[in-house]
N, C-alpha and C. Protein backbone atom coordinates (compact mmCIF):
# COMPACT_ATOMS: atom_id res chain seq x y z
N MET A 1 19.64 22.31 8.10
CA MET A 1 18.53 23.47 7.97
C MET A 1 18.66 24.69 7.53
N VAL A 2 18.04 24.93 6.97
CA VAL A 2 18.08 26.58 6.49
C VAL A 2 16.35 27.46 6.81
N LYS A 3 16.15 28.44 7.63
CA LYS A 3 15.14 29.08 7.30
C LYS A 3 15.34 29.42 5.96
N VAL A 4 13.90 29.53 5.27
CA VAL A 4 13.67 29.97 3.77
C VAL A 4 12.78 31.63 4.67
N THR A 5 13.74 32.33 4.48
CA THR A 5 12.89 33.86 4.88
C THR A 5 13.02 35.00 3.47
N SER A 6 12.32 35.41 3.33
CA SER A 6 12.26 36.67 2.09
C SER A 6 11.42 37.95 2.99
N SER A 7 11.52 38.95 2.23
CA SER A 7 11.37 40.25 2.59
C SER A 7 9.64 40.51 2.26
N THR A 8 9.34 39.70 0.61
CA THR A 8 8.54 39.83 0.00
C THR A 8 7.16 38.81 0.58
N GLY A 9 7.87 37.78 1.63
CA GLY A 9 7.33 37.07 2.56
C GLY A 9 6.36 35.78 1.65
N ASP A 10 7.41 35.03 0.72
CA ASP A 10 6.76 34.23 -0.14
C ASP A 10 7.25 33.36 0.45
N ILE A 11 6.60 31.82 -0.49
CA ILE A 11 6.41 30.67 0.61
C ILE A 11 7.12 29.72 -0.04
N LYS A 12 8.22 28.79 -0.43
CA LYS A 12 8.24 27.97 -0.83
C LYS A 12 8.15 26.45 -0.60
N ARG A 13 7.31 25.75 -1.51
CA ARG A 13 7.55 24.40 -0.98
C ARG A 13 8.14 23.86 -2.74
N GLY A 14 8.04 22.50 -2.05
CA GLY A 14 8.64 21.54 -3.16
C GLY A 14 10.17 21.30 -3.33
N LYS A 15 10.75 20.72 -4.64
CA LYS A 15 12.01 19.91 -5.37
C LYS A 15 12.32 21.36 -6.01
N GLN A 16 13.39 22.04 -5.68
CA GLN A 16 13.86 22.18 -6.52
C GLN A 16 15.70 21.68 -7.17
N SER A 17 16.10 20.93 -7.75
CA SER A 17 17.78 20.39 -7.91
C SER A 17 17.67 19.09 -6.36
N LEU A 18 18.46 19.74 -5.77
CA LEU A 18 18.69 18.81 -4.74
C LEU A 18 18.38 19.43 -3.22
N ALA A 19 17.75 20.30 -3.67
CA ALA A 19 17.11 21.41 -2.10
C ALA A 19 15.24 20.85 -2.06
N VAL A 20 15.09 21.07 -0.96
CA VAL A 20 13.49 20.17 -0.98
C VAL A 20 13.13 21.07 0.09
N TYR A 21 12.04 22.62 -0.57
CA TYR A 21 11.69 22.85 0.50
C TYR A 21 10.03 22.71 1.24
N GLN A 22 10.31 22.70 2.96
CA GLN A 22 8.82 21.83 3.64
C GLN A 22 8.65 23.34 4.66
N GLY A 23 7.70 22.41 4.84
CA GLY A 23 6.92 23.66 6.17
C GLY A 23 7.11 22.51 7.51
N HIS A 24 7.94 23.36 8.07
CA HIS A 24 7.93 22.77 9.88
C HIS A 24 8.08 23.28 10.80
N TYR A 25 7.11 22.92 11.68
CA TYR A 25 6.12 23.73 12.34
C TYR A 25 5.71 25.01 12.06
N GLY A 26 5.12 25.16 11.03
CA GLY A 26 4.95 26.97 10.99
C GLY A 26 6.06 27.04 10.32
N GLN A 27 7.12 27.13 10.03
CA GLN A 27 8.08 27.86 9.46
C GLN A 27 8.75 27.08 8.64
N GLU A 28 8.44 27.37 7.33
CA GLU A 28 9.75 27.33 5.54
C GLU A 28 11.37 26.46 6.22
N VAL A 29 11.16 25.70 6.08
CA VAL A 29 12.86 25.23 5.66
C VAL A 29 13.66 24.29 4.86
N ARG A 30 14.61 24.57 4.40
CA ARG A 30 15.16 23.57 3.26
C ARG A 30 15.84 22.54 3.34
N ARG A 31 15.96 21.64 3.16
CA ARG A 31 16.67 19.84 3.46
C ARG A 31 17.45 19.79 2.47
N VAL A 32 17.97 19.06 2.24
CA VAL A 32 18.84 18.84 1.14
C VAL A 32 18.07 17.13 1.12
N LEU A 33 18.09 16.94 -0.21
CA LEU A 33 17.52 15.43 -0.31
C LEU A 33 18.67 14.18 -0.75
N SER A 34 18.35 13.60 0.07
CA SER A 34 19.22 12.05 -0.13
C SER A 34 18.52 11.32 -0.49
N PRO A 35 19.46 9.99 -1.55
CA PRO A 35 18.69 9.36 -1.88
C PRO A 35 18.42 7.98 -0.90
N LYS A 36 17.81 7.04 -1.30
CA LYS A 36 17.30 6.43 -0.50
C LYS A 36 17.99 5.22 -0.38
N SER A 37 18.26 3.88 0.46
CA SER A 37 18.81 3.31 0.57
C SER A 37 18.65 2.35 -0.50
N GLY A 38 17.65 2.01 -1.07
CA GLY A 38 17.23 0.51 -2.11
C GLY A 38 17.16 -0.80 -2.20
N ILE A 39 17.65 -0.53 -0.55
CA ILE A 39 18.30 -2.50 -0.42
C ILE A 39 17.53 -3.24 -0.11
N PRO A 40 16.30 -3.82 -0.94
CA PRO A 40 15.28 -4.84 0.07
C PRO A 40 15.88 -5.96 0.26
N SER A 41 15.32 -5.97 1.65
CA SER A 41 15.48 -7.75 2.48
C SER A 41 14.53 -8.95 2.22
N LYS A 42 15.33 -9.96 2.40
CA LYS A 42 14.89 -11.31 1.39
C LYS A 42 13.39 -11.17 1.75
N PRO A 43 12.46 -10.92 2.93
CA PRO A 43 11.83 -11.32 2.93
C PRO A 43 10.85 -10.46 2.36
N GLN A 44 11.29 -9.17 2.20
CA GLN A 44 10.59 -8.38 1.65
C GLN A 44 10.47 -8.21 -0.11
N LEU A 45 11.27 -9.06 -0.96
CA LEU A 45 11.00 -9.48 -1.88
C LEU A 45 10.54 -10.43 -1.89
N ARG A 46 10.52 -11.90 -0.91
CA ARG A 46 9.23 -12.87 -0.75
C ARG A 46 8.04 -12.39 -1.42
N GLN A 47 8.18 -11.04 -0.03
CA GLN A 47 6.43 -10.53 -0.72
C GLN A 47 6.04 -9.67 -0.83
N ARG A 48 7.06 -9.42 -2.28
CA ARG A 48 6.41 -8.80 -3.21
C ARG A 48 6.63 -9.47 -4.57
N LEU A 49 7.02 -10.46 -4.53
CA LEU A 49 6.46 -11.77 -5.93
C LEU A 49 5.17 -12.22 -5.09
N ARG A 50 5.45 -12.54 -3.95
CA ARG A 50 3.51 -12.84 -3.48
C ARG A 50 2.37 -12.31 -3.96
N PHE A 51 3.23 -10.55 -3.93
CA PHE A 51 1.80 -10.12 -4.28
C PHE A 51 1.90 -10.02 -5.72
N GLN A 52 3.28 -10.48 -6.49
CA GLN A 52 2.69 -9.86 -7.90
C GLN A 52 1.92 -11.26 -8.12
N GLN A 53 2.52 -12.58 -8.06
CA GLN A 53 1.62 -13.76 -7.76
C GLN A 53 0.17 -13.76 -7.32
N ALA A 54 -0.43 -12.75 -6.61
CA ALA A 54 -1.64 -12.70 -6.07
C ALA A 54 -2.09 -11.90 -6.84
N LEU A 55 -1.46 -10.69 -7.78
CA LEU A 55 -2.02 -9.89 -8.48
C LEU A 55 -3.00 -10.81 -9.94
N ALA A 56 -1.68 -11.19 -10.63
CA ALA A 56 -1.81 -12.21 -11.48
C ALA A 56 -2.88 -13.15 -11.25
N TRP A 57 -3.17 -13.57 -10.24
CA TRP A 57 -4.46 -15.19 -10.26
C TRP A 57 -5.72 -13.63 -10.67
N ARG A 58 -4.97 -13.03 -9.43
CA ARG A 58 -6.79 -12.47 -9.39
C ARG A 58 -6.91 -11.84 -10.49
N ALA A 59 -6.02 -11.70 -11.54
CA ALA A 59 -6.84 -11.23 -13.07
C ALA A 59 -7.16 -11.96 -13.93
N SER A 60 -6.80 -13.61 -13.16
CA SER A 60 -6.81 -14.68 -14.19
C SER A 60 -8.33 -15.26 -14.22
N LEU A 61 -8.90 -14.42 -13.04
CA LEU A 61 -10.13 -15.71 -12.60
C LEU A 61 -11.05 -15.09 -13.48
N SER A 62 -11.98 -16.00 -13.57
CA SER A 62 -12.87 -15.78 -14.82
C SER A 62 -14.07 -14.95 -14.11
N ARG A 63 -15.00 -14.84 -14.44
CA ARG A 63 -16.54 -13.42 -14.73
C ARG A 63 -17.34 -14.95 -13.24
N GLU A 64 -17.84 -16.26 -13.64
CA GLU A 64 -18.12 -17.48 -13.23
C GLU A 64 -17.66 -17.33 -11.08
N ALA A 65 -16.02 -16.71 -11.49
CA ALA A 65 -15.17 -16.78 -9.56
C ALA A 65 -15.15 -15.97 -9.33
N ARG A 66 -15.35 -14.62 -9.52
CA ARG A 66 -15.39 -13.75 -9.36
C ARG A 66 -17.35 -12.84 -8.41
N ARG A 67 -18.26 -13.54 -9.48
CA ARG A 67 -19.84 -13.60 -9.17
C ARG A 67 -19.57 -14.62 -7.37
N TYR A 68 -18.90 -15.96 -7.46
CA TYR A 68 -18.74 -16.85 -6.52
C TYR A 68 -17.64 -16.35 -4.86
N LEU A 69 -16.73 -15.50 -5.39
CA LEU A 69 -16.07 -14.58 -4.75
C LEU A 69 -17.16 -14.00 -3.93
N ASP A 70 -17.55 -12.94 -4.57
CA ASP A 70 -18.68 -12.14 -4.32
C ASP A 70 -20.17 -12.52 -3.61
N GLY A 71 -20.50 -13.87 -3.93
CA GLY A 71 -21.52 -14.56 -3.11
C GLY A 71 -21.24 -14.70 -1.64
N PHE A 72 -19.77 -15.22 -1.71
CA PHE A 72 -18.84 -16.17 -0.61
C PHE A 72 -18.88 -15.19 0.51
N SER A 73 -18.54 -14.25 -0.29
CA SER A 73 -18.33 -12.73 0.77
C SER A 73 -19.34 -12.40 1.64
N PHE A 74 -20.93 -12.15 1.07
CA PHE A 74 -21.20 -11.84 1.44
C PHE A 74 -22.27 -12.58 2.27
N SER A 75 -22.39 -13.99 1.79
CA SER A 75 -22.92 -14.80 2.95
C SER A 75 -22.21 -15.61 3.93
N HIS A 76 -20.71 -14.99 4.01
CA HIS A 76 -19.84 -15.67 5.57
C HIS A 76 -19.70 -14.66 6.19
N GLY A 77 -20.34 -13.18 5.36
CA GLY A 77 -20.12 -11.94 6.38
C GLY A 77 -18.86 -11.57 6.56
N LEU A 78 -18.06 -11.21 5.50
CA LEU A 78 -16.66 -10.77 5.30
C LEU A 78 -16.49 -9.82 5.51
N VAL A 79 -15.96 -8.45 6.58
CA VAL A 79 -15.50 -7.30 6.50
C VAL A 79 -14.62 -6.81 6.54
N ASP A 80 -14.65 -5.56 6.36
CA ASP A 80 -12.69 -4.92 6.83
C ASP A 80 -13.09 -4.49 7.90
N ASP A 81 -12.01 -4.05 8.47
CA ASP A 81 -12.50 -3.14 9.55
C ASP A 81 -13.12 -2.12 9.85
N TYR A 82 -13.48 -1.36 9.03
CA TYR A 82 -14.70 -0.78 9.08
C TYR A 82 -15.96 -1.10 8.79
N GLY A 83 -15.95 -2.45 8.91
CA GLY A 83 -17.46 -3.02 8.60
C GLY A 83 -17.97 -3.04 7.19
N ILE A 84 -17.34 -2.59 6.28
CA ILE A 84 -18.24 -3.07 4.59
C ILE A 84 -17.59 -4.24 4.60
N PRO A 85 -18.65 -4.49 3.92
CA PRO A 85 -18.31 -6.18 2.73
C PRO A 85 -17.09 -6.36 2.39
N LEU A 86 -16.30 -7.13 2.32
CA LEU A 86 -15.33 -7.03 1.03
C LEU A 86 -15.74 -7.62 -0.57
N THR A 87 -15.10 -6.95 -0.89
CA THR A 87 -15.52 -7.38 -2.89
C THR A 87 -14.62 -8.54 -3.23
N TRP A 88 -14.74 -8.93 -4.35
CA TRP A 88 -14.80 -10.36 -4.31
C TRP A 88 -13.51 -9.95 -5.08
N ASP A 89 -12.24 -8.84 -5.33
CA ASP A 89 -10.87 -8.47 -5.48
C ASP A 89 -10.37 -8.16 -4.05
N LYS A 90 -11.07 -8.16 -3.68
CA LYS A 90 -10.12 -7.77 -1.93
C LYS A 90 -10.48 -9.28 -1.34
N VAL A 91 -11.39 -10.01 -1.86
CA VAL A 91 -11.06 -11.62 -1.27
C VAL A 91 -10.29 -12.73 -2.42
N ALA A 92 -9.82 -12.05 -3.35
CA ALA A 92 -9.21 -12.86 -3.99
C ALA A 92 -7.62 -11.89 -3.13
N LEU A 93 -7.54 -11.60 -2.74
CA LEU A 93 -6.27 -11.49 -2.58
C LEU A 93 -5.95 -11.93 -1.10
N LYS A 94 -6.91 -12.15 -0.19
CA LYS A 94 -6.90 -12.03 0.92
C LYS A 94 -6.81 -13.48 0.95
N ILE A 95 -7.47 -14.52 -0.29
CA ILE A 95 -7.33 -16.23 -0.42
C ILE A 95 -5.85 -15.98 -0.82
N ALA A 96 -5.21 -15.53 -2.00
CA ALA A 96 -3.22 -15.49 -2.24
C ALA A 96 -2.85 -15.14 -1.27
N LEU A 97 -3.09 -13.83 -0.29
CA LEU A 97 -1.58 -13.01 0.39
C LEU A 97 -1.96 -14.61 1.99
N GLU A 98 -2.65 -14.88 2.43
CA GLU A 98 -2.99 -15.55 3.94
C GLU A 98 -2.53 -16.74 4.00
N ALA A 99 -2.17 -17.33 4.33
CA ALA A 99 -1.33 -18.33 5.05
C ALA A 99 -2.55 -19.39 5.24
N PRO A 100 -2.50 -20.60 4.78
CA PRO A 100 -3.58 -21.03 4.81
C PRO A 100 -3.64 -22.35 6.63
N ARG A 101 -4.84 -22.00 6.91
CA ARG A 101 -4.53 -22.80 8.50
C ARG A 101 -5.42 -23.85 8.27
N LEU A 102 -4.82 -24.48 8.67
CA LEU A 102 -5.11 -26.06 8.58
C LEU A 102 -5.50 -26.65 9.97
N THR A 103 -6.68 -27.35 10.21
CA THR A 103 -6.37 -28.02 11.73
C THR A 103 -6.69 -29.72 10.81
N ILE A 104 -6.59 -30.56 12.32
CA ILE A 104 -6.63 -32.04 11.72
C ILE A 104 -7.17 -32.29 13.06
N SER A 105 -8.09 -33.19 13.22
CA SER A 105 -8.64 -33.80 13.47
C SER A 105 -8.62 -35.44 14.16
N SER A 106 -8.39 -36.11 15.12
CA SER A 106 -8.31 -37.17 15.00
C SER A 106 -9.94 -37.95 15.52
């Protein structure tokens, strides 16, 4: 890391070829831009595929199904972490991405 000092008080931020100028604890520093590894793991690839399939399924829902999910969310009191009711699109993603829970009674 190299501190960027200028007699005129210039402050550099952003990227310039392979250099990145950032503020670090009140001082300007220059860092070398390094490429990301970009090798996703098998579970990460499976989750990405699941998410793409969930988005495609959500986009294919009819207007009636969307209204049903809105009503279902409202009647069952489904809310997020902040207490805001979930909309139909969030409910659809939750349905598509969460593993089903089965209860077997004898």
